[in-house]
């Protein structure tokens, strides 16, 4: 036995889950047979492949191979596949590429489209104008009473400021009542901002990291193909299995490269939208955090709708005015 007992046992136990012979595993790797080796199989296989030290040990072994243990015979079979680890890594990349690429594309598209919808929303702009006017009115006679704008984060302060003697009524309630009474057509502004909740859960740095990893995997695959295509010592012609691997993976790599270039273009659009969004709302483009922005917008929407609902509940308990009108602002008089 060439391997230490723990390593040999781990390999043997994992191999038992494959229910395949060493030769079948080898052929599946060479032919990129995903029906035989699933994605999960390949992930497990990566942990079983011979290490550089084990490669040296196996090459140095001159004894009877039939006397080797199950794990040693498996490693010996894998060691005979040129660039075996790189091949398995490339195989995994091929199997997971579409799902990873599509997932990233969906997230980037959502972030970019949400940024545009927030900027394009005339109803949200109307809500902000009313909020600014309300804030200036509340601060009249003060240096803060002539503000030209307000940050999105500051909107959340409305829920913590009381409006009148009722401790349960805040400026957010007052804003909701004011909009409902004077500008009811703005009440469904949240419809324009419905992507903010999902966008707030996405970390932009993670999206960029995923893009970088996909590009790195594509580069590594290109190197693997180049290395495998080089003539091996003592061989003038490429064997059929290597030729098949190169043909399939070259076609995949060329297609993946085009799709990654398209994805990079979409990320550039997303980044440009973020810059425009920051400028539109008076934020510093260099320190602007899309995640924080979308989180604040989503929180504002939730607080506004909650306050509107509560005001309507209070309104139901109050008698209508003498003229029969059901004006929510009457609750503050």
C-alpha atoms as a PDB file:
ATOM      1  CA  UNK A   1       0.000   0.000   0.000  1.00  0.00           C
ATOM      2  CA  UNK A   2       1.432   3.320  -1.163  1.00  0.00           C
ATOM      3  CA  UNK A   3      -1.073   5.721   0.405  1.00  0.00           C
ATOM      4  CA  UNK A   4      -1.610   6.403   4.075  1.00  0.00           C
ATOM      5  CA  UNK A   5      -4.630   4.591   5.456  1.00  0.00           C
ATOM      6  CA  UNK A   6      -6.830   7.668   5.926  1.00  0.00           C
ATOM      7  CA  UNK A   7      -6.326   8.938   2.374  1.00  0.00           C
ATOM      8  CA  UNK A   8      -6.830   5.459   0.919  1.00  0.00           C
ATOM      9  CA  UNK A   9     -10.062   4.947   2.880  1.00  0.00           C
ATOM     10  CA  UNK A  10     -11.446   8.383   1.872  1.00  0.00           C
ATOM     11  CA  UNK A  11     -10.828   7.648  -1.793  1.00  0.00           C
ATOM     12  CA  UNK A  12     -12.358   4.176  -1.571  1.00  0.00           C
ATOM     13  CA  UNK A  13     -15.465   5.414   0.250  1.00  0.00           C
ATOM     14  CA  UNK A  14     -16.045   8.239  -2.232  1.00  0.00           C
ATOM     15  CA  UNK A  15     -15.444   5.976  -5.240  1.00  0.00           C
ATOM     16  CA  UNK A  16     -18.108   3.591  -3.967  1.00  0.00           C
ATOM     17  CA  UNK A  17     -20.695   6.312  -4.628  1.00  0.00           C
ATOM     18  CA  UNK A  18     -19.770   6.487  -8.312  1.00  0.00           C
ATOM     19  CA  UNK A  19     -20.621   2.848  -9.082  1.00  0.00           C
ATOM     20  CA  UNK A  20     -18.234   3.090 -12.036  1.00  0.00           C
ATOM     21  CA  UNK A  21     -14.989   1.328 -12.908  1.00  0.00           C
ATOM     22  CA  UNK A  22     -11.750   3.266 -13.160  1.00  0.00           C
ATOM     23  CA  UNK A  23     -11.811   2.810 -16.923  1.00  0.00           C
ATOM     24  CA  UNK A  24     -15.355   4.175 -17.155  1.00  0.00           C
ATOM     25  CA  UNK A  25     -14.416   7.246 -15.098  1.00  0.00           C
ATOM     26  CA  UNK A  26     -11.367   7.819 -17.289  1.00  0.00           C
ATOM     27  CA  UNK A  27     -13.351   7.583 -20.509  1.00  0.00           C
ATOM     28  CA  UNK A  28     -16.065   9.884 -19.172  1.00  0.00           C
ATOM     29  CA  UNK A  29     -13.424  12.526 -18.391  1.00  0.00           C
ATOM     30  CA  UNK A  30     -11.780  12.174 -21.790  1.00  0.00           C
ATOM     31  CA  UNK A  31     -15.072  12.295 -23.690  1.00  0.00           C
ATOM     32  CA  UNK A  32     -16.754  14.920 -21.454  1.00  0.00           C
ATOM     33  CA  UNK A  33     -19.594  12.479 -20.820  1.00  0.00           C
ATOM     34  CA  UNK A  34     -21.933  14.378 -18.497  1.00  0.00           C
ATOM     35  CA  UNK A  35     -24.449  11.528 -18.540  1.00  0.00           C
ATOM     36  CA  UNK A  36     -21.891   9.309 -16.799  1.00  0.00           C
ATOM     37  CA  UNK A  37     -20.163  11.949 -14.678  1.00  0.00           C
ATOM     38  CA  UNK A  38     -22.633  14.468 -13.284  1.00  0.00           C
ATOM     39  CA  UNK A  39     -21.686  17.850 -11.852  1.00  0.00           C
ATOM     40  CA  UNK A  40     -21.768  16.375  -8.334  1.00  0.00           C
ATOM     41  CA  UNK A  41     -19.542  13.503  -9.439  1.00  0.00           C
ATOM     42  CA  UNK A  42     -17.000  15.929 -10.855  1.00  0.00           C
ATOM     43  CA  UNK A  43     -16.966  18.009  -7.672  1.00  0.00           C
ATOM     44  CA  UNK A  44     -16.215  14.869  -5.670  1.00  0.00           C
ATOM     45  CA  UNK A  45     -13.678  13.751  -8.240  1.00  0.00           C
ATOM     46  CA  UNK A  46     -11.619  16.893  -7.705  1.00  0.00           C
ATOM     47  CA  UNK A  47     -10.954  15.811  -4.129  1.00  0.00           C
ATOM     48  CA  UNK A  48      -9.771  12.376  -5.288  1.00  0.00           C
ATOM     49  CA  UNK A  49      -7.298  13.308  -8.010  1.00  0.00           C
ATOM     50  CA  UNK A  50      -3.642  12.580  -7.280  1.00  0.00           C
ATOM     51  CA  UNK A  51      -1.588  15.362  -5.720  1.00  0.00           C
ATOM     52  CA  UNK A  52       1.829  16.279  -7.199  1.00  0.00           C
ATOM     53  CA  UNK A  53       3.538  14.157  -4.516  1.00  0.00           C
ATOM     54  CA  UNK A  54       1.262  11.223  -5.247  1.00  0.00           C
ATOM     55  CA  UNK A  55       1.981  11.617  -8.968  1.00  0.00           C
ATOM     56  CA  UNK A  56       5.728  11.259  -8.300  1.00  0.00           C
ATOM     57  CA  UNK A  57       5.145   8.250  -6.068  1.00  0.00           C
ATOM     58  CA  UNK A  58       2.981   6.497  -8.661  1.00  0.00           C
ATOM     59  CA  UNK A  59       5.452   7.142 -11.476  1.00  0.00           C
ATOM     60  CA  UNK A  60       8.250   5.758  -9.351  1.00  0.00           C
ATOM     61  CA  UNK A  61       6.347   2.554  -8.580  1.00  0.00           C
ATOM     62  CA  UNK A  62       7.716  -0.353 -10.618  1.00  0.00           C
ATOM     63  CA  UNK A  63       5.950  -3.216  -8.864  1.00  0.00           C
ATOM     64  CA  UNK A  64       2.969  -5.335  -9.839  1.00  0.00           C
ATOM     65  CA  UNK A  65      -0.028  -3.051 -10.275  1.00  0.00           C
ATOM     66  CA  UNK A  66      -2.427  -5.885  -9.451  1.00  0.00           C
ATOM     67  CA  UNK A  67      -1.024  -5.854  -5.926  1.00  0.00           C
ATOM     68  CA  UNK A  68      -1.990  -2.224  -5.398  1.00  0.00           C
ATOM     69  CA  UNK A  69      -5.066  -1.321  -3.399  1.00  0.00           C
ATOM     70  CA  UNK A  70      -8.308   0.036  -4.883  1.00  0.00           C
ATOM     71  CA  UNK A  71      -7.355   3.649  -4.184  1.00  0.00           C
ATOM     72  CA  UNK A  72      -3.827   3.338  -5.604  1.00  0.00           C
ATOM     73  CA  UNK A  73      -5.123   1.735  -8.825  1.00  0.00           C
ATOM     74  CA  UNK A  74      -7.634   4.573  -9.207  1.00  0.00           C
ATOM     75  CA  UNK A  75      -4.965   7.243  -8.747  1.00  0.00           C
ATOM     76  CA  UNK A  76      -2.719   5.452 -11.225  1.00  0.00           C
ATOM     77  CA  UNK A  77      -5.510   5.515 -13.815  1.00  0.00           C
ATOM     78  CA  UNK A  78      -6.113   9.242 -13.240  1.00  0.00           C
ATOM     79  CA  UNK A  79      -2.374   9.967 -13.392  1.00  0.00           C
ATOM     80  CA  UNK A  80      -2.293   8.620 -16.952  1.00  0.00           C
ATOM     81  CA  UNK A  81      -4.684  11.327 -18.145  1.00  0.00           C
ATOM     82  CA  UNK A  82      -2.675  14.363 -19.305  1.00  0.00           C
ATOM     83  CA  UNK A  83      -3.638  17.524 -17.362  1.00  0.00           C
ATOM     84  CA  UNK A  84      -6.342  15.568 -15.563  1.00  0.00           C
ATOM     85  CA  UNK A  85      -7.119  18.202 -12.923  1.00  0.00           C
ATOM     86  CA  UNK A  86      -7.323  20.985 -15.516  1.00  0.00           C
ATOM     87  CA  UNK A  87      -9.604  18.817 -17.649  1.00  0.00           C
ATOM     88  CA  UNK A  88     -11.964  18.156 -14.739  1.00  0.00           C
ATOM     89  CA  UNK A  89     -11.970  21.863 -13.824  1.00  0.00           C
ATOM     90  CA  UNK A  90     -12.807  22.738 -17.425  1.00  0.00           C
ATOM     91  CA  UNK A  91     -15.525  20.059 -17.496  1.00  0.00           C
ATOM     92  CA  UNK A  92     -17.082  21.544 -14.354  1.00  0.00           C
ATOM     93  CA  UNK A  93     -16.907  25.050 -15.823  1.00  0.00           C
ATOM     94  CA  UNK A  94     -18.680  23.855 -18.963  1.00  0.00           C
ATOM     95  CA  UNK A  95     -21.505  22.238 -16.979  1.00  0.00           C
ATOM     96  CA  UNK A  96     -22.106  25.187 -14.669  1.00  0.00           C
ATOM     97  CA  UNK A  97     -21.415  28.023 -17.105  1.00  0.00           C
ATOM     98  CA  UNK A  98     -24.959  28.621 -18.368  1.00  0.00           C
ATOM     99  CA  UNK A  99     -26.538  28.685 -14.923  1.00  0.00           C
ATOM    100  CA  UNK A 100     -23.844  30.980 -13.504  1.00  0.00           C
ATOM    101  CA  UNK A 101     -23.894  33.261 -16.519  1.00  0.00           C
ATOM    102  CA  UNK A 102     -27.694  33.474 -16.620  1.00  0.00           C
ATOM    103  CA  UNK A 103     -27.901  34.130 -12.877  1.00  0.00           C
ATOM    104  CA  UNK A 104     -25.384  36.956 -13.112  1.00  0.00           C
ATOM    105  CA  UNK A 105     -27.052  38.363 -16.220  1.00  0.00           C
ATOM    106  CA  UNK A 106     -30.456  38.431 -14.496  1.00  0.00           C
ATOM    107  CA  UNK A 107     -29.031  40.229 -11.457  1.00  0.00           C
ATOM    108  CA  UNK A 108     -27.098  42.800 -13.506  1.00  0.00           C
ATOM    109  CA  UNK A 109     -30.151  43.442 -15.688  1.00  0.00           C
ATOM    110  CA  UNK A 110     -32.360  43.889 -12.623  1.00  0.00           C
ATOM    111  CA  UNK A 111     -29.934  46.326 -10.986  1.00  0.00           C
ATOM    112  CA  UNK A 112     -29.603  48.404 -14.163  1.00  0.00           C
ATOM    113  CA  UNK A 113     -33.334  48.446 -14.937  1.00  0.00           C
ATOM    114  CA  UNK A 114     -34.254  49.282 -11.322  1.00  0.00           C
ATOM    115  CA  UNK A 115     -31.855  52.236 -11.313  1.00  0.00           C
ATOM    116  CA  UNK A 116     -33.479  53.546 -14.488  1.00  0.00           C
ATOM    117  CA  UNK A 117     -37.031  53.029 -13.196  1.00  0.00           C
ATOM    118  CA  UNK A 118     -36.261  54.950 -10.006  1.00  0.00           C
ATOM    119  CA  UNK A 119     -34.920  57.883 -12.032  1.00  0.00           C
ATOM    120  CA  UNK A 120     -37.795  57.749 -14.527  1.00  0.00           C
ATOM    121  CA  UNK A 121     -40.569  57.581 -11.923  1.00  0.00           C
ATOM    122  CA  UNK A 122     -42.497  60.864 -12.037  1.00  0.00           C
ATOM    123  CA  UNK A 123     -44.657  59.644  -9.154  1.00  0.00           C
ATOM    124  CA  UNK A 124     -41.686  59.038  -6.881  1.00  0.00           C
ATOM    125  CA  UNK A 125     -40.392  62.462  -7.873  1.00  0.00           C
ATOM    126  CA  UNK A 126     -43.767  63.910  -6.866  1.00  0.00           C
ATOM    127  CA  UNK A 127     -43.573  62.182  -3.476  1.00  0.00           C
ATOM    128  CA  UNK A 128     -40.095  63.577  -2.924  1.00  0.00           C
ATOM    129  CA  UNK A 129     -41.206  67.095  -3.850  1.00  0.00           C
ATOM    130  CA  UNK A 130     -44.045  66.918  -1.323  1.00  0.00           C
ATOM    131  CA  UNK A 131     -41.665  65.518   1.295  1.00  0.00           C
ATOM    132  CA  UNK A 132     -39.193  68.342   0.686  1.00  0.00           C
ATOM    133  CA  UNK A 133     -41.960  70.944   0.893  1.00  0.00           C
ATOM    134  CA  UNK A 134     -43.190  69.355   4.132  1.00  0.00           C
ATOM    135  CA  UNK A 135     -39.704  69.399   5.590  1.00  0.00           C
ATOM    136  CA  UNK A 136     -39.152  73.049   4.660  1.00  0.00           C
ATOM    137  CA  UNK A 137     -42.531  73.964   6.177  1.00  0.00           C
ATOM    138  CA  UNK A 138     -41.683  72.163   9.416  1.00  0.00           C
ATOM    139  CA  UNK A 139     -38.314  73.938   9.533  1.00  0.00           C
ATOM    140  CA  UNK A 140     -39.563  77.377   8.507  1.00  0.00           C
ATOM    141  CA  UNK A 141     -37.708  80.118  10.343  1.00  0.00           C
ATOM    142  CA  UNK A 142     -34.740  77.789  10.737  1.00  0.00           C
ATOM    143  CA  UNK A 143     -31.590  77.539   8.616  1.00  0.00           C
ATOM    144  CA  UNK A 144     -32.830  74.112   7.473  1.00  0.00           C
ATOM    145  CA  UNK A 145     -36.094  75.560   6.211  1.00  0.00           C
ATOM    146  CA  UNK A 146     -34.908  76.417   2.734  1.00  0.00           C
ATOM    147  CA  UNK A 147     -33.465  73.085   1.648  1.00  0.00           C
ATOM    148  CA  UNK A 148     -33.149  72.446  -2.078  1.00  0.00           C
ATOM    149  CA  UNK A 149     -33.173  68.687  -1.680  1.00  0.00           C
ATOM    150  CA  UNK A 150     -32.934  65.805   0.754  1.00  0.00           C
ATOM    151  CA  UNK A 151     -31.062  62.521   0.821  1.00  0.00           C
ATOM    152  CA  UNK A 152     -32.917  59.255   0.377  1.00  0.00           C
ATOM    153  CA  UNK A 153     -31.618  58.065   3.738  1.00  0.00           C
ATOM    154  CA  UNK A 154     -33.045  61.130   5.497  1.00  0.00           C
ATOM    155  CA  UNK A 155     -36.557  60.133   4.371  1.00  0.00           C
ATOM    156  CA  UNK A 156     -36.487  57.336   6.907  1.00  0.00           C
ATOM    157  CA  UNK A 157     -36.269  59.888   9.710  1.00  0.00           C
ATOM    158  CA  UNK A 158     -39.929  60.800   9.091  1.00  0.00           C
ATOM    159  CA  UNK A 159     -41.056  57.685  10.938  1.00  0.00           C
ATOM    160  CA  UNK A 160     -39.241  58.795  14.056  1.00  0.00           C
ATOM    161  CA  UNK A 161     -40.608  62.347  14.277  1.00  0.00           C
ATOM    162  CA  UNK A 162     -43.938  62.917  16.030  1.00  0.00           C
ATOM    163  CA  UNK A 163     -46.608  65.005  14.330  1.00  0.00           C
ATOM    164  CA  UNK A 164     -48.819  66.548  16.987  1.00  0.00           C
ATOM    165  CA  UNK A 165     -49.867  65.450  20.443  1.00  0.00           C
ATOM    166  CA  UNK A 166     -50.581  61.834  19.480  1.00  0.00           C
ATOM    167  CA  UNK A 167     -47.364  59.942  20.143  1.00  0.00           C
ATOM    168  CA  UNK A 168     -48.317  57.259  17.638  1.00  0.00           C
ATOM    169  CA  UNK A 169     -48.624  59.690  14.729  1.00  0.00           C
ATOM    170  CA  UNK A 170     -45.401  60.567  12.943  1.00  0.00           C
ATOM    171  CA  UNK A 171     -44.463  62.789  10.034  1.00  0.00           C
ATOM    172  CA  UNK A 172     -44.598  59.684   7.844  1.00  0.00           C
ATOM    173  CA  UNK A 173     -48.268  59.333   8.760  1.00  0.00           C
ATOM    174  CA  UNK A 174     -48.758  63.029   8.001  1.00  0.00           C
ATOM    175  CA  UNK A 175     -47.015  62.646   4.634  1.00  0.00           C
ATOM    176  CA  UNK A 176     -49.151  59.628   3.733  1.00  0.00           C
ATOM    177  CA  UNK A 177     -52.322  61.500   4.722  1.00  0.00           C
ATOM    178  CA  UNK A 178     -51.233  64.584   2.795  1.00  0.00           C
ATOM    179  CA  UNK A 179     -50.574  62.625  -0.386  1.00  0.00           C
ATOM    180  CA  UNK A 180     -53.839  60.678  -0.037  1.00  0.00           C
ATOM    181  CA  UNK A 181     -55.822  63.892   0.388  1.00  0.00           C
ATOM    182  CA  UNK A 182     -54.096  66.252  -2.051  1.00  0.00           C
ATOM    183  CA  UNK A 183     -52.307  64.060  -4.624  1.00  0.00           C
ATOM    184  CA  UNK A 184     -53.982  60.621  -4.546  1.00  0.00           C
ATOM    185  CA  UNK A 185     -52.697  59.775  -8.025  1.00  0.00           C
ATOM    186  CA  UNK A 186     -49.214  59.455  -6.474  1.00  0.00           C
ATOM    187  CA  UNK A 187     -50.189  56.778  -3.961  1.00  0.00           C
ATOM    188  CA  UNK A 188     -49.173  53.883  -6.189  1.00  0.00           C
ATOM    189  CA  UNK A 189     -45.636  55.256  -6.678  1.00  0.00           C
ATOM    190  CA  UNK A 190     -44.325  52.016  -5.157  1.00  0.00           C
ATOM    191  CA  UNK A 191     -45.258  50.227  -8.381  1.00  0.00           C
ATOM    192  CA  UNK A 192     -42.421  52.048 -10.155  1.00  0.00           C
ATOM    193  CA  UNK A 193     -39.982  51.000  -7.433  1.00  0.00           C
ATOM    194  CA  UNK A 194     -40.937  47.358  -7.066  1.00  0.00           C
ATOM    195  CA  UNK A 195     -37.479  46.160  -8.161  1.00  0.00           C
ATOM    196  CA  UNK A 196     -35.769  47.884  -5.235  1.00  0.00           C
ATOM    197  CA  UNK A 197     -36.457  45.065  -2.774  1.00  0.00           C
ATOM    198  CA  UNK A 198     -34.622  42.471  -4.868  1.00  0.00           C
ATOM    199  CA  UNK A 199     -31.926  44.949  -5.900  1.00  0.00           C
ATOM    200  CA  UNK A 200     -31.259  45.775  -2.240  1.00  0.00           C
ATOM    201  CA  UNK A 201     -30.385  42.136  -1.563  1.00  0.00           C
ATOM    202  CA  UNK A 202     -27.696  42.048  -4.256  1.00  0.00           C
ATOM    203  CA  UNK A 203     -24.137  42.983  -3.379  1.00  0.00           C
ATOM    204  CA  UNK A 204     -22.536  44.781  -6.319  1.00  0.00           C
ATOM    205  CA  UNK A 205     -19.025  43.721  -5.297  1.00  0.00           C
ATOM    206  CA  UNK A 206     -20.194  40.080  -5.359  1.00  0.00           C
ATOM    207  CA  UNK A 207     -21.514  40.541  -8.896  1.00  0.00           C
ATOM    208  CA  UNK A 208     -18.183  41.948 -10.013  1.00  0.00           C
ATOM    209  CA  UNK A 209     -16.346  39.110  -8.280  1.00  0.00           C
ATOM    210  CA  UNK A 210     -18.500  36.539 -10.061  1.00  0.00           C
ATOM    211  CA  UNK A 211     -17.775  38.246 -13.389  1.00  0.00           C
ATOM    212  CA  UNK A 212     -14.069  38.130 -12.616  1.00  0.00           C
ATOM    213  CA  UNK A 213     -14.228  34.444 -11.695  1.00  0.00           C
ATOM    214  CA  UNK A 214     -16.054  33.538 -14.913  1.00  0.00           C
ATOM    215  CA  UNK A 215     -13.419  35.367 -16.949  1.00  0.00           C
ATOM    216  CA  UNK A 216     -10.658  33.637 -14.993  1.00  0.00           C
ATOM    217  CA  UNK A 217     -12.211  30.208 -15.612  1.00  0.00           C
ATOM    218  CA  UNK A 218     -12.437  31.002 -19.327  1.00  0.00           C
ATOM    219  CA  UNK A 219      -8.757  32.036 -19.383  1.00  0.00           C
ATOM    220  CA  UNK A 220      -7.728  28.891 -17.527  1.00  0.00           C
ATOM    221  CA  UNK A 221      -9.687  26.767 -20.000  1.00  0.00           C
ATOM    222  CA  UNK A 222      -7.937  28.474 -22.917  1.00  0.00           C
ATOM    223  CA  UNK A 223      -4.572  27.640 -21.319  1.00  0.00           C
ATOM    224  CA  UNK A 224      -5.636  24.029 -20.736  1.00  0.00           C
ATOM    225  CA  UNK A 225      -6.620  23.665 -24.383  1.00  0.00           C
ATOM    226  CA  UNK A 226      -3.306  25.128 -25.478  1.00  0.00           C
ATOM    227  CA  UNK A 227      -1.335  22.820 -23.188  1.00  0.00           C
ATOM    228  CA  UNK A 228      -3.240  19.692 -24.230  1.00  0.00           C
ATOM    229  CA  UNK A 229      -2.888  20.529 -27.913  1.00  0.00           C
ATOM    230  CA  UNK A 230       0.937  20.549 -27.610  1.00  0.00           C
ATOM    231  CA  UNK A 231       2.490  17.291 -28.883  1.00  0.00           C
ATOM    232  CA  UNK A 232       3.423  14.943 -26.044  1.00  0.00           C
ATOM    233  CA  UNK A 233       6.888  13.495 -25.776  1.00  0.00           C
ATOM    234  CA  UNK A 234       7.189  10.369 -27.914  1.00  0.00           C
ATOM    235  CA  UNK A 235       3.842  10.997 -29.690  1.00  0.00           C
ATOM    236  CA  UNK A 236       3.537  12.587 -33.110  1.00  0.00           C
ATOM    237  CA  UNK A 237      -0.233  12.350 -33.420  1.00  0.00           C
ATOM    238  CA  UNK A 238      -2.999  13.301 -31.026  1.00  0.00           C
ATOM    239  CA  UNK A 239      -5.167  10.428 -29.782  1.00  0.00           C
ATOM    240  CA  UNK A 240      -8.877  10.519 -30.601  1.00  0.00           C
ATOM    241  CA  UNK A 241     -10.029  11.184 -27.038  1.00  0.00           C
ATOM    242  CA  UNK A 242      -7.800  14.260 -26.753  1.00  0.00           C
ATOM    243  CA  UNK A 243      -8.975  15.432 -30.174  1.00  0.00           C
ATOM    244  CA  UNK A 244     -12.597  15.055 -29.032  1.00  0.00           C
ATOM    245  CA  UNK A 245     -11.905  16.985 -25.827  1.00  0.00           C
ATOM    246  CA  UNK A 246     -10.245  19.838 -27.706  1.00  0.00           C
ATOM    247  CA  UNK A 247     -12.988  20.032 -30.321  1.00  0.00           C
ATOM    248  CA  UNK A 248     -15.841  20.126 -27.798  1.00  0.00           C
ATOM    249  CA  UNK A 249     -14.146  22.486 -25.366  1.00  0.00           C
ATOM    250  CA  UNK A 250     -12.847  24.858 -28.041  1.00  0.00           C
ATOM    251  CA  UNK A 251     -16.366  25.265 -29.392  1.00  0.00           C
ATOM    252  CA  UNK A 252     -17.675  25.834 -25.874  1.00  0.00           C
ATOM    253  CA  UNK A 253     -14.899  28.312 -25.045  1.00  0.00           C
ATOM    254  CA  UNK A 254     -15.510  30.387 -28.165  1.00  0.00           C
ATOM    255  CA  UNK A 255     -19.224  30.627 -27.370  1.00  0.00           C
ATOM    256  CA  UNK A 256     -18.591  31.398 -23.700  1.00  0.00           C
ATOM    257  CA  UNK A 257     -16.133  34.123 -24.611  1.00  0.00           C
ATOM    258  CA  UNK A 258     -18.742  35.913 -26.737  1.00  0.00           C
ATOM    259  CA  UNK A 259     -21.366  35.638 -23.998  1.00  0.00           C
ATOM    260  CA  UNK A 260     -18.962  36.939 -21.365  1.00  0.00           C
ATOM    261  CA  UNK A 261     -18.149  39.953 -23.546  1.00  0.00           C
ATOM    262  CA  UNK A 262     -21.884  40.671 -23.807  1.00  0.00           C
ATOM    263  CA  UNK A 263     -22.196  40.304 -20.033  1.00  0.00           C
ATOM    264  CA  UNK A 264     -19.308  42.721 -19.489  1.00  0.00           C
ATOM    265  CA  UNK A 265     -21.138  45.248 -21.677  1.00  0.00           C
ATOM    266  CA  UNK A 266     -24.255  44.857 -19.525  1.00  0.00           C
ATOM    267  CA  UNK A 267     -22.190  45.432 -16.393  1.00  0.00           C
ATOM    268  CA  UNK A 268     -20.791  48.607 -17.948  1.00  0.00           C
ATOM    269  CA  UNK A 269     -24.371  49.804 -18.534  1.00  0.00           C
ATOM    270  CA  UNK A 270     -25.215  48.977 -14.912  1.00  0.00           C
ATOM    271  CA  UNK A 271     -22.226  50.960 -13.636  1.00  0.00           C
ATOM    272  CA  UNK A 272     -23.143  53.931 -15.821  1.00  0.00           C
ATOM    273  CA  UNK A 273     -26.728  53.824 -14.490  1.00  0.00           C
ATOM    274  CA  UNK A 274     -25.383  53.879 -10.942  1.00  0.00           C
ATOM    275  CA  UNK A 275     -23.373  57.017 -11.722  1.00  0.00           C
ATOM    276  CA  UNK A 276     -26.431  58.693 -13.212  1.00  0.00           C
ATOM    277  CA  UNK A 277     -28.539  57.600 -10.240  1.00  0.00           C
ATOM    278  CA  UNK A 278     -26.030  59.053  -7.780  1.00  0.00           C
ATOM    279  CA  UNK A 279     -25.904  62.344  -9.681  1.00  0.00           C
ATOM    280  CA  UNK A 280     -29.690  62.488 -10.007  1.00  0.00           C
ATOM    281  CA  UNK A 281     -30.148  62.224  -6.238  1.00  0.00           C
ATOM    282  CA  UNK A 282     -27.224  64.474  -5.364  1.00  0.00           C
ATOM    283  CA  UNK A 283     -25.014  61.699  -4.028  1.00  0.00           C
ATOM    284  CA  UNK A 284     -21.253  61.407  -4.365  1.00  0.00           C
ATOM    285  CA  UNK A 285     -20.733  59.017  -7.291  1.00  0.00           C
ATOM    286  CA  UNK A 286     -17.391  57.819  -5.868  1.00  0.00           C
ATOM    287  CA  UNK A 287     -18.816  56.717  -2.517  1.00  0.00           C
ATOM    288  CA  UNK A 288     -22.327  55.857  -3.758  1.00  0.00           C
ATOM    289  CA  UNK A 289     -23.563  52.453  -2.595  1.00  0.00           C
ATOM    290  CA  UNK A 290     -26.348  51.057  -4.808  1.00  0.00           C
ATOM    291  CA  UNK A 291     -27.177  48.456  -2.156  1.00  0.00           C
ATOM    292  CA  UNK A 292     -27.679  51.090   0.536  1.00  0.00           C
ATOM    293  CA  UNK A 293     -29.647  53.298  -1.852  1.00  0.00           C
ATOM    294  CA  UNK A 294     -32.075  50.557  -2.869  1.00  0.00           C
ATOM    295  CA  UNK A 295     -32.386  49.463   0.764  1.00  0.00           C
ATOM    296  CA  UNK A 296     -33.333  53.003   1.830  1.00  0.00           C
ATOM    297  CA  UNK A 297     -35.838  53.383  -1.013  1.00  0.00           C
ATOM    298  CA  UNK A 298     -37.418  50.036  -0.211  1.00  0.00           C
ATOM    299  CA  UNK A 299     -37.602  50.918   3.498  1.00  0.00           C
ATOM    300  CA  UNK A 300     -39.214  54.260   2.675  1.00  0.00           C
ATOM    301  CA  UNK A 301     -41.828  52.523   0.529  1.00  0.00           C
ATOM    302  CA  UNK A 302     -42.592  50.027   3.313  1.00  0.00           C
ATOM    303  CA  UNK A 303     -42.858  52.760   5.941  1.00  0.00           C
ATOM    304  CA  UNK A 304     -45.041  54.939   3.728  1.00  0.00           C
ATOM    305  CA  UNK A 305     -47.458  52.110   2.906  1.00  0.00           C
ATOM    306  CA  UNK A 306     -47.584  51.000   6.544  1.00  0.00           C
ATOM    307  CA  UNK A 307     -48.337  54.561   7.670  1.00  0.00           C
ATOM    308  CA  UNK A 308     -50.989  54.969   4.969  1.00  0.00           C
ATOM    309  CA  UNK A 309     -52.682  51.764   6.085  1.00  0.00           C
ATOM    310  CA  UNK A 310     -52.654  52.885   9.712  1.00  0.00           C
ATOM    311  CA  UNK A 311     -54.099  56.282   8.807  1.00  0.00           C
ATOM    312  CA  UNK A 312     -56.913  54.609   6.913  1.00  0.00           C
ATOM    313  CA  UNK A 313     -57.668  52.451   9.945  1.00  0.00           C
ATOM    314  CA  UNK A 314     -57.844  55.584  12.117  1.00  0.00           C
ATOM    315  CA  UNK A 315     -60.007  57.284   9.520  1.00  0.00           C
ATOM    316  CA  UNK A 316     -62.572  54.480   9.681  1.00  0.00           C
ATOM    317  CA  UNK A 317     -63.069  55.159  13.383  1.00  0.00           C
ATOM    318  CA  UNK A 318     -63.659  58.895  12.909  1.00  0.00           C
ATOM    319  CA  UNK A 319     -67.000  60.388  11.822  1.00  0.00           C
ATOM    320  CA  UNK A 320     -67.104  62.176   8.471  1.00  0.00           C
ATOM    321  CA  UNK A 321     -66.995  65.961   8.366  1.00  0.00           C
ATOM    322  CA  UNK A 322     -70.214  67.992   8.242  1.00  0.00           C
ATOM    323  CA  UNK A 323     -69.903  68.464   4.489  1.00  0.00           C
ATOM    324  CA  UNK A 324     -69.726  64.700   4.003  1.00  0.00           C
ATOM    325  CA  UNK A 325     -66.123  64.702   2.828  1.00  0.00           C
ATOM    326  CA  UNK A 326     -63.795  61.990   3.958  1.00  0.00           C
ATOM    327  CA  UNK A 327     -60.601  64.063   4.010  1.00  0.00           C
ATOM    328  CA  UNK A 328     -57.767  62.269   5.821  1.00  0.00           C
ATOM    329  CA  UNK A 329     -56.077  65.592   6.618  1.00  0.00           C
ATOM    330  CA  UNK A 330     -59.026  66.416   8.844  1.00  0.00           C
ATOM    331  CA  UNK A 331     -57.576  63.964  11.326  1.00  0.00           C
ATOM    332  CA  UNK A 332     -54.845  66.489  12.119  1.00  0.00           C
ATOM    333  CA  UNK A 333     -57.160  69.403  12.866  1.00  0.00           C
END
